[in-house]
PDB file of N, CA and C in Angstrom:
ATOM      1  N   MET A   1      50.106  85.220 134.002  1.00  0.00           N
ATOM      2  CA  MET A   1      49.929  86.481 135.028  1.00  0.00           C
ATOM      3  C   MET A   1      51.245  86.989 134.392  1.00  0.00           C
ATOM      4  N   LEU A   2      52.050  88.347 134.235  1.00  0.00           N
ATOM      5  CA  LEU A   2      53.040  87.959 134.109  1.00  0.00           C
ATOM      6  C   LEU A   2      53.950  89.113 135.207  1.00  0.00           C
ATOM      7  N   THR A   3      54.892  88.816 135.248  1.00  0.00           N
ATOM      8  CA  THR A   3      56.230  89.246 136.238  1.00  0.00           C
ATOM      9  C   THR A   3      56.707  90.570 135.529  1.00  0.00           C
ATOM     10  N   LEU A   4      56.746  91.937 136.473  1.00  0.00           N
ATOM     11  CA  LEU A   4      57.383  92.504 136.069  1.00  0.00           C
ATOM     12  C   LEU A   4      58.151  92.948 137.332  1.00  0.00           C
ATOM     13  N   ASN A   5      59.760  93.374 136.212  1.00  0.00           N
ATOM     14  CA  ASN A   5      60.565  93.679 137.187  1.00  0.00           C
ATOM     15  C   ASN A   5      60.778  94.643 137.651  1.00  0.00           C
ATOM     16  N   SER A   6      61.892  95.135 139.293  1.00  0.00           N
ATOM     17  CA  SER A   6      61.871  96.701 139.082  1.00  0.00           C
ATOM     18  C   SER A   6      61.757  97.871 138.716  1.00  0.00           C
ATOM     19  N   ILE A   7      62.067  97.391 137.897  1.00  0.00           N
ATOM     20  CA  ILE A   7      62.148  99.359 136.973  1.00  0.00           C
ATOM     21  C   ILE A   7      60.955  99.210 136.343  1.00  0.00           C
ATOM     22  N   GLU A   8      59.980  98.438 135.540  1.00  0.00           N
ATOM     23  CA  GLU A   8      58.932  97.872 135.586  1.00  0.00           C
ATOM     24  C   GLU A   8      57.816  98.204 135.738  1.00  0.00           C
ATOM     25  N   VAL A   9      57.784  98.008 137.365  1.00  0.00           N
ATOM     26  CA  VAL A   9      57.452  98.462 138.948  1.00  0.00           C
ATOM     27  C   VAL A   9      57.036  99.784 138.899  1.00  0.00           C
ATOM     28  N   LYS A  10      58.246 100.320 138.982  1.00  0.00           N
ATOM     29  CA  LYS A  10      58.168 102.127 138.472  1.00  0.00           C
ATOM     30  C   LYS A  10      57.927 102.735 137.868  1.00  0.00           C
ATOM     31  N   ILE A  11      57.893 102.286 136.667  1.00  0.00           N
ATOM     32  CA  ILE A  11      57.224 102.554 135.776  1.00  0.00           C
ATOM     33  C   ILE A  11      55.818 102.917 135.562  1.00  0.00           C
ATOM     34  N   VAL A  12      55.305 102.265 135.827  1.00  0.00           N
ATOM     35  CA  VAL A  12      53.781 101.477 136.210  1.00  0.00           C
ATOM     36  C   VAL A  12      53.473 102.170 137.630  1.00  0.00           C
ATOM     37  N   LYS A  13      53.870 102.196 138.534  1.00  0.00           N
ATOM     38  CA  LYS A  13      53.917 102.786 139.133  1.00  0.00           C
ATOM     39  C   LYS A  13      53.332 104.937 138.438  1.00  0.00           C
ATOM     40  N   ALA A  14      54.740 105.082 137.799  1.00  0.00           N
ATOM     41  CA  ALA A  14      54.328 106.359 137.602  1.00  0.00           C
ATOM     42  C   ALA A  14      53.287 106.184 136.725  1.00  0.00           C
ATOM     43  N   TRP A  15      52.735 105.825 136.178  1.00  0.00           N
ATOM     44  CA  TRP A  15      51.745 105.862 134.921  1.00  0.00           C
ATOM     45  C   TRP A  15      50.219 105.715 135.744  1.00  0.00           C
ATOM     46  N   ALA A  16      50.476 105.121 136.931  1.00  0.00           N
ATOM     47  CA  ALA A  16      49.527 105.001 137.892  1.00  0.00           C
ATOM     48  C   ALA A  16      49.281 106.322 138.818  1.00  0.00           C
ATOM     49  N   GLU A  17      49.928 107.249 139.071  1.00  0.00           N
ATOM     50  CA  GLU A  17      49.299 108.491 139.761  1.00  0.00           C
ATOM     51  C   GLU A  17      48.580 109.703 139.373  1.00  0.00           C
ATOM     52  N   LYS A  18      48.391 109.541 137.831  1.00  0.00           N
ATOM     53  CA  LYS A  18      46.854 110.082 137.731  1.00  0.00           C
ATOM     54  C   LYS A  18      45.400 109.436 139.004  1.00  0.00           C
ATOM     55  N   ALA A  19      45.778 107.695 138.901  1.00  0.00           N
ATOM     56  CA  ALA A  19      44.700 107.401 138.586  1.00  0.00           C
ATOM     57  C   ALA A  19      44.189 107.147 140.137  1.00  0.00           C
ATOM     58  N   GLU A  20      44.515 107.565 141.066  1.00  0.00           N
ATOM     59  CA  GLU A  20      44.792 106.962 142.437  1.00  0.00           C
ATOM     60  C   GLU A  20      43.521 107.941 142.976  1.00  0.00           C
ATOM     61  N   THR A  21      42.894 109.072 142.799  1.00  0.00           N
ATOM     62  CA  THR A  21      41.764 109.189 143.010  1.00  0.00           C
ATOM     63  C   THR A  21      40.777 109.053 141.704  1.00  0.00           C
ATOM     64  N   SER A  22      40.798 107.755 140.961  1.00  0.00           N
ATOM     65  CA  SER A  22      39.800 107.023 140.507  1.00  0.00           C
ATOM     66  C   SER A  22      38.678 106.614 141.452  1.00  0.00           C
ATOM     67  N   PRO A  23      37.448 106.117 140.941  1.00  0.00           N
ATOM     68  CA  PRO A  23      36.275 105.500 141.798  1.00  0.00           C
ATOM     69  C   PRO A  23      36.706 104.108 141.617  1.00  0.00           C
ATOM     70  N   PHE A  24      37.180 103.589 140.553  1.00  0.00           N
ATOM     71  CA  PHE A  24      36.802 101.961 139.736  1.00  0.00           C
ATOM     72  C   PHE A  24      37.181 100.435 141.019  1.00  0.00           C
ATOM     73  N   PRO A  25      36.543 100.288 141.201  1.00  0.00           N
ATOM     74  CA  PRO A  25      37.302  99.190 142.283  1.00  0.00           C
ATOM     75  C   PRO A  25      38.607  98.467 141.390  1.00  0.00           C
ATOM     76  N   GLN A  26      38.667  98.129 140.470  1.00  0.00           N
ATOM     77  CA  GLN A  26      39.748  97.432 139.539  1.00  0.00           C
ATOM     78  C   GLN A  26      41.095  98.167 139.643  1.00  0.00           C
ATOM     79  N   GLU A  27      40.837  99.603 139.107  1.00  0.00           N
ATOM     80  CA  GLU A  27      42.141 100.249 139.536  1.00  0.00           C
ATOM     81  C   GLU A  27      42.471 100.713 140.096  1.00  0.00           C
ATOM     82  N   LYS A  28      41.625 100.709 141.800  1.00  0.00           N
ATOM     83  CA  LYS A  28      41.780 101.205 143.262  1.00  0.00           C
ATOM     84  C   LYS A  28      42.173  99.363 143.442  1.00  0.00           C
ATOM     85  N   ALA A  29      42.663  98.530 143.057  1.00  0.00           N
ATOM     86  CA  ALA A  29      43.310  96.899 143.876  1.00  0.00           C
ATOM     87  C   ALA A  29      44.675  97.214 143.257  1.00  0.00           C
ATOM     88  N   VAL A  30      44.656  97.807 142.360  1.00  0.00           N
ATOM     89  CA  VAL A  30      45.771  97.360 141.641  1.00  0.00           C
ATOM     90  C   VAL A  30      46.726  98.830 141.791  1.00  0.00           C
ATOM     91  N   ILE A  31      46.244  99.535 142.639  1.00  0.00           N
ATOM     92  CA  ILE A  31      47.034 100.730 143.506  1.00  0.00           C
ATOM     93  C   ILE A  31      47.293 100.311 144.305  1.00  0.00           C
ATOM     94  N   ASN A  32      46.361  99.792 145.535  1.00  0.00           N
ATOM     95  CA  ASN A  32      46.528  99.533 146.060  1.00  0.00           C
ATOM     96  C   ASN A  32      48.133  98.945 146.165  1.00  0.00           C
ATOM     97  N   ARG A  33      47.821  97.315 145.638  1.00  0.00           N
ATOM     98  CA  ARG A  33      49.013  96.096 145.097  1.00  0.00           C
ATOM     99  C   ARG A  33      50.297  97.156 144.820  1.00  0.00           C
ATOM    100  N   LEU A  34      50.245  98.380 144.172  1.00  0.00           N
ATOM    101  CA  LEU A  34      51.236  98.553 144.484  1.00  0.00           C
ATOM    102  C   LEU A  34      52.034  99.778 145.421  1.00  0.00           C
ATOM    103  N   LYS A  35      51.117 100.035 145.885  1.00  0.00           N
ATOM    104  CA  LYS A  35      51.498 101.395 147.354  1.00  0.00           C
ATOM    105  C   LYS A  35      52.391 100.207 148.214  1.00  0.00           C
ATOM    106  N   LYS A  36      51.739  98.982 148.128  1.00  0.00           N
ATOM    107  CA  LYS A  36      52.174  97.666 150.064  1.00  0.00           C
ATOM    108  C   LYS A  36      53.581  97.451 149.241  1.00  0.00           C
ATOM    109  N   ASN A  37      54.344  97.793 148.023  1.00  0.00           N
ATOM    110  CA  ASN A  37      55.281  97.359 146.985  1.00  0.00           C
ATOM    111  C   ASN A  37      56.286  98.659 147.221  1.00  0.00           C
ATOM    112  N   VAL A  38      56.249  98.967 148.193  1.00  0.00           N
ATOM    113  CA  VAL A  38      57.359 100.117 149.081  1.00  0.00           C
ATOM    114  C   VAL A  38      59.203 100.314 147.887  1.00  0.00           C
ATOM    115  N   ALA A  39      59.773  98.956 148.284  1.00  0.00           N
ATOM    116  CA  ALA A  39      60.803  98.249 147.880  1.00  0.00           C
ATOM    117  C   ALA A  39      60.753  98.549 146.056  1.00  0.00           C
ATOM    118  N   ASN A  40      59.915  98.784 145.340  1.00  0.00           N
ATOM    119  CA  ASN A  40      59.588  98.072 144.023  1.00  0.00           C
ATOM    120  C   ASN A  40      60.203  97.277 143.513  1.00  0.00           C
ATOM    121  N   ARG A  41      59.868  96.044 144.726  1.00  0.00           N
ATOM    122  CA  ARG A  41      60.050  94.902 143.793  1.00  0.00           C
ATOM    123  C   ARG A  41      59.325  94.194 142.859  1.00  0.00           C
ATOM    124  N   SER A  42      60.037  92.506 141.756  1.00  0.00           N
ATOM    125  CA  SER A  42      58.766  92.928 141.281  1.00  0.00           C
ATOM    126  C   SER A  42      57.458  91.908 140.816  1.00  0.00           C
ATOM    127  N   MET A  43      57.235  92.079 141.124  1.00  0.00           N
ATOM    128  CA  MET A  43      55.668  91.966 140.688  1.00  0.00           C
ATOM    129  C   MET A  43      54.620  91.328 139.642  1.00  0.00           C
ATOM    130  N   ALA A  44      53.853  90.485 139.741  1.00  0.00           N
ATOM    131  CA  ALA A  44      53.213  89.104 139.219  1.00  0.00           C
ATOM    132  C   ALA A  44      51.562  90.248 138.978  1.00  0.00           C
ATOM    133  N   PHE A  45      51.248  90.222 137.481  1.00  0.00           N
ATOM    134  CA  PHE A  45      50.092  90.806 137.451  1.00  0.00           C
ATOM    135  C   PHE A  45      49.308  89.900 135.974  1.00  0.00           C
ATOM    136  N   SER A  46      47.465  90.419 136.516  1.00  0.00           N
ATOM    137  CA  SER A  46      46.741  88.879 135.861  1.00  0.00           C
ATOM    138  C   SER A  46      46.507  89.997 134.671  1.00  0.00           C
ATOM    139  N   ALA A  47      46.670  89.361 133.791  1.00  0.00           N
ATOM    140  CA  ALA A  47      45.576  89.253 132.317  1.00  0.00           C
ATOM    141  C   ALA A  47      44.364  90.858 133.055  1.00  0.00           C
ATOM    142  N   ARG A  48      43.391  90.966 133.876  1.00  0.00           N
ATOM    143  CA  ARG A  48      42.800  91.847 134.289  1.00  0.00           C
ATOM    144  C   ARG A  48      43.414  93.627 134.194  1.00  0.00           C
ATOM    145  N   GLU A  49      45.030  93.112 135.368  1.00  0.00           N
ATOM    146  CA  GLU A  49      45.777  94.060 136.225  1.00  0.00           C
ATOM    147  C   GLU A  49      46.147  94.735 134.902  1.00  0.00           C
ATOM    148  N   LEU A  50      46.605  94.054 134.414  1.00  0.00           N
ATOM    149  CA  LEU A  50      46.875  93.801 132.635  1.00  0.00           C
ATOM    150  C   LEU A  50      46.381  95.555 131.967  1.00  0.00           C
ATOM    151  N   ASP A  51      45.259  94.767 131.549  1.00  0.00           N
ATOM    152  CA  ASP A  51      44.409  95.909 131.303  1.00  0.00           C
ATOM    153  C   ASP A  51      44.515  97.514 131.533  1.00  0.00           C
ATOM    154  N   VAL A  52      44.407  97.086 133.118  1.00  0.00           N
ATOM    155  CA  VAL A  52      44.106  98.659 133.672  1.00  0.00           C
ATOM    156  C   VAL A  52      45.290  99.194 133.239  1.00  0.00           C
ATOM    157  N   ILE A  53      47.111  98.403 134.053  1.00  0.00           N
ATOM    158  CA  ILE A  53      48.125  99.446 133.245  1.00  0.00           C
ATOM    159  C   ILE A  53      47.740  99.821 131.709  1.00  0.00           C
ATOM    160  N   LEU A  54      47.530  99.113 131.477  1.00  0.00           N
ATOM    161  CA  LEU A  54      47.751  99.819 129.974  1.00  0.00           C
ATOM    162  C   LEU A  54      46.505 100.768 129.461  1.00  0.00           C
ATOM    163  N   HIS A  55      45.916 100.279 130.457  1.00  0.00           N
ATOM    164  CA  HIS A  55      45.101 102.026 130.311  1.00  0.00           C
ATOM    165  C   HIS A  55      45.987 103.206 131.134  1.00  0.00           C
ATOM    166  N   TRP A  56      46.003 103.396 131.919  1.00  0.00           N
ATOM    167  CA  TRP A  56      47.185 103.993 132.610  1.00  0.00           C
ATOM    168  C   TRP A  56      48.230 104.925 131.495  1.00  0.00           C
ATOM    169  N   ALA A  57      48.481 103.748 130.693  1.00  0.00           N
ATOM    170  CA  ALA A  57      50.125 103.570 130.103  1.00  0.00           C
ATOM    171  C   ALA A  57      49.117 104.830 129.273  1.00  0.00           C
ATOM    172  N   GLU A  58      47.728 104.476 128.601  1.00  0.00           N
ATOM    173  CA  GLU A  58      47.107 105.260 127.173  1.00  0.00           C
ATOM    174  C   GLU A  58      47.690 106.510 127.546  1.00  0.00           C
ATOM    175  N   GLN A  59      46.196 106.709 128.736  1.00  0.00           N
ATOM    176  CA  GLN A  59      45.981 107.439 129.188  1.00  0.00           C
ATOM    177  C   GLN A  59      47.424 109.027 129.798  1.00  0.00           C
ATOM    178  N   GLU A  60      48.526 108.122 129.448  1.00  0.00           N
ATOM    179  CA  GLU A  60      49.667 109.436 130.378  1.00  0.00           C
ATOM    180  C   GLU A  60      51.164 109.727 129.257  1.00  0.00           C
ATOM    181  N   THR A  61      50.704 109.078 128.277  1.00  0.00           N
ATOM    182  CA  THR A  61      51.430 108.871 127.126  1.00  0.00           C
ATOM    183  C   THR A  61      50.645 108.929 126.067  1.00  0.00           C
ATOM    184  N   LYS A  62      49.451 109.793 125.848  1.00  0.00           N
ATOM    185  CA  LYS A  62      49.581 110.001 125.122  1.00  0.00           C
ATOM    186  C   LYS A  62      49.822 111.525 124.031  1.00  0.00           C
ATOM    187  N   GLY A  63      49.968 111.813 123.165  1.00  0.00           N
ATOM    188  CA  GLY A  63      50.019 113.311 122.043  1.00  0.00           C
ATOM    189  C   GLY A  63      49.570 114.065 122.446  1.00  0.00           C
ATOM    190  N   HIS A  64      50.048 114.934 121.792  1.00  0.00           N
ATOM    191  CA  HIS A  64      49.192 115.972 122.575  1.00  0.00           C
ATOM    192  C   HIS A  64      48.246 116.414 121.811  1.00  0.00           C
ATOM    193  N   TYR A  65      47.661 115.650 120.661  1.00  0.00           N
ATOM    194  CA  TYR A  65      46.453 115.760 120.398  1.00  0.00           C
ATOM    195  C   TYR A  65      45.595 113.820 120.201  1.00  0.00           C
ATOM    196  N   GLY A  66      46.098 113.417 120.763  1.00  0.00           N
ATOM    197  CA  GLY A  66      45.357 112.074 122.074  1.00  0.00           C
ATOM    198  C   GLY A  66      46.130 111.492 120.052  1.00  0.00           C
ATOM    199  N   THR A  67      46.607 111.801 118.817  1.00  0.00           N
ATOM    200  CA  THR A  67      46.617 110.335 118.404  1.00  0.00           C
ATOM    201  C   THR A  67      48.220 110.156 117.818  1.00  0.00           C
ATOM    202  N   GLU A  68      48.864 110.693 118.953  1.00  0.00           N
ATOM    203  CA  GLU A  68      50.829 110.612 118.592  1.00  0.00           C
ATOM    204  C   GLU A  68      50.999 110.118 120.171  1.00  0.00           C
ATOM    205  N   LYS A  69      52.358 108.509 120.463  1.00  0.00           N
ATOM    206  CA  LYS A  69      52.410 108.542 121.245  1.00  0.00           C
ATOM    207  C   LYS A  69      53.479 109.124 122.379  1.00  0.00           C
ATOM    208  N   TYR A  70      54.268 109.581 123.289  1.00  0.00           N
ATOM    209  CA  TYR A  70      55.812 110.091 122.701  1.00  0.00           C
ATOM    210  C   TYR A  70      56.164 109.199 124.595  1.00  0.00           C
ATOM    211  N   LEU A  71      57.170 108.758 123.377  1.00  0.00           N
ATOM    212  CA  LEU A  71      57.409 107.195 124.976  1.00  0.00           C
ATOM    213  C   LEU A  71      58.888 107.481 125.466  1.00  0.00           C
ATOM    214  N   LEU A  72      59.438 106.438 126.926  1.00  0.00           N
ATOM    215  CA  LEU A  72      60.543 106.698 127.148  1.00  0.00           C
ATOM    216  C   LEU A  72      60.773 104.802 126.182  1.00  0.00           C
ATOM    217  N   GLU A  73      62.242 104.633 125.330  1.00  0.00           N
ATOM    218  CA  GLU A  73      62.632 103.444 125.378  1.00  0.00           C
ATOM    219  C   GLU A  73      61.915 102.263 126.604  1.00  0.00           C
ATOM    220  N   LEU A  74      62.288 103.026 127.713  1.00  0.00           N
ATOM    221  CA  LEU A  74      62.050 101.502 128.214  1.00  0.00           C
ATOM    222  C   LEU A  74      60.088 100.678 128.601  1.00  0.00           C
ATOM    223  N   GLU A  75      59.337 102.741 128.863  1.00  0.00           N
ATOM    224  CA  GLU A  75      58.150 102.474 128.438  1.00  0.00           C
ATOM    225  C   GLU A  75      57.573 101.136 127.440  1.00  0.00           C
ATOM    226  N   ALA A  76      58.173 102.226 126.282  1.00  0.00           N
ATOM    227  CA  ALA A  76      57.681 101.060 124.856  1.00  0.00           C
ATOM    228  C   ALA A  76      58.285  99.823 124.103  1.00  0.00           C
ATOM    229  N   ALA A  77      59.513  99.578 125.754  1.00  0.00           N
ATOM    230  CA  ALA A  77      59.905  97.739 126.032  1.00  0.00           C
ATOM    231  C   ALA A  77      59.023  97.438 126.708  1.00  0.00           C
ATOM    232  N   LEU A  78      58.356  98.151 127.938  1.00  0.00           N
ATOM    233  CA  LEU A  78      57.061  97.604 128.844  1.00  0.00           C
ATOM    234  C   LEU A  78      55.863  97.233 128.446  1.00  0.00           C
ATOM    235  N   LEU A  79      55.241  98.111 127.135  1.00  0.00           N
ATOM    236  CA  LEU A  79      53.338  98.247 126.949  1.00  0.00           C
ATOM    237  C   LEU A  79      54.411  97.524 125.584  1.00  0.00           C
ATOM    238  N   GLU A  80      55.139  96.721 125.009  1.00  0.00           N
ATOM    239  CA  GLU A  80      54.998  95.420 123.860  1.00  0.00           C
ATOM    240  C   GLU A  80      55.548  94.657 124.872  1.00  0.00           C
ATOM    241  N   LYS A  81      55.853  94.045 125.820  1.00  0.00           N
ATOM    242  CA  LYS A  81      55.735  92.991 126.649  1.00  0.00           C
ATOM    243  C   LYS A  81      54.410  92.397 126.951  1.00  0.00           C
ATOM    244  N   ILE A  82      53.707  93.706 127.396  1.00  0.00           N
ATOM    245  CA  ILE A  82      52.781  94.045 128.157  1.00  0.00           C
ATOM    246  C   ILE A  82      51.575  93.653 127.120  1.00  0.00           C
ATOM    247  N   GLU A  83      51.571  93.989 126.017  1.00  0.00           N
ATOM    248  CA  GLU A  83      50.842  93.780 124.684  1.00  0.00           C
ATOM    249  C   GLU A  83      51.285  92.058 124.327  1.00  0.00           C
ATOM    250  N   ASN A  84      52.039  91.922 124.352  1.00  0.00           N
ATOM    251  CA  ASN A  84      52.262  90.429 123.694  1.00  0.00           C
ATOM    252  C   ASN A  84      52.190  89.382 124.233  1.00  0.00           C
ATOM    253  N   PHE A  85      52.015  89.258 126.200  1.00  0.00           N
ATOM    254  CA  PHE A  85      51.677  88.471 126.642  1.00  0.00           C
ATOM    255  C   PHE A  85      50.085  88.211 126.974  1.00  0.00           C
ATOM    256  N   LEU A  86      49.595  89.648 126.671  1.00  0.00           N
ATOM    257  CA  LEU A  86      48.069  89.545 126.508  1.00  0.00           C
ATOM    258  C   LEU A  86      47.207  88.876 125.344  1.00  0.00           C
ATOM    259  N   HIS A  87      48.184  89.239 124.309  1.00  0.00           N
ATOM    260  CA  HIS A  87      47.746  88.370 122.888  1.00  0.00           C
ATOM    261  C   HIS A  87      48.384  87.365 122.719  1.00  0.00           C
ATOM    262  N   SER A  88      48.895  87.212 123.378  1.00  0.00           N
ATOM    263  CA  SER A  88      49.440  85.037 123.018  1.00  0.00           C
ATOM    264  C   SER A  88      48.556  84.133 123.042  1.00  0.00           C
TER     265      SER A  88
END
């Protein structure tokens, strides 16, 4: 499990907005957990949930031609944190 702080949770919620109509159970489960966290408190996520979050991040941060990524510093740090956890 990887714990994300309140700022990171807010970023994940922003990435999840377009996925709210997703038919996929894994995405729905993560979205439901995020919605229950109204106060944006720190949350722990499993590797499977982090894979879903990375998918959302990729969809949200793709460049105009699908090859470049435009990231804010906090988003980049969060992606690096998640990827380091998943690949360790």
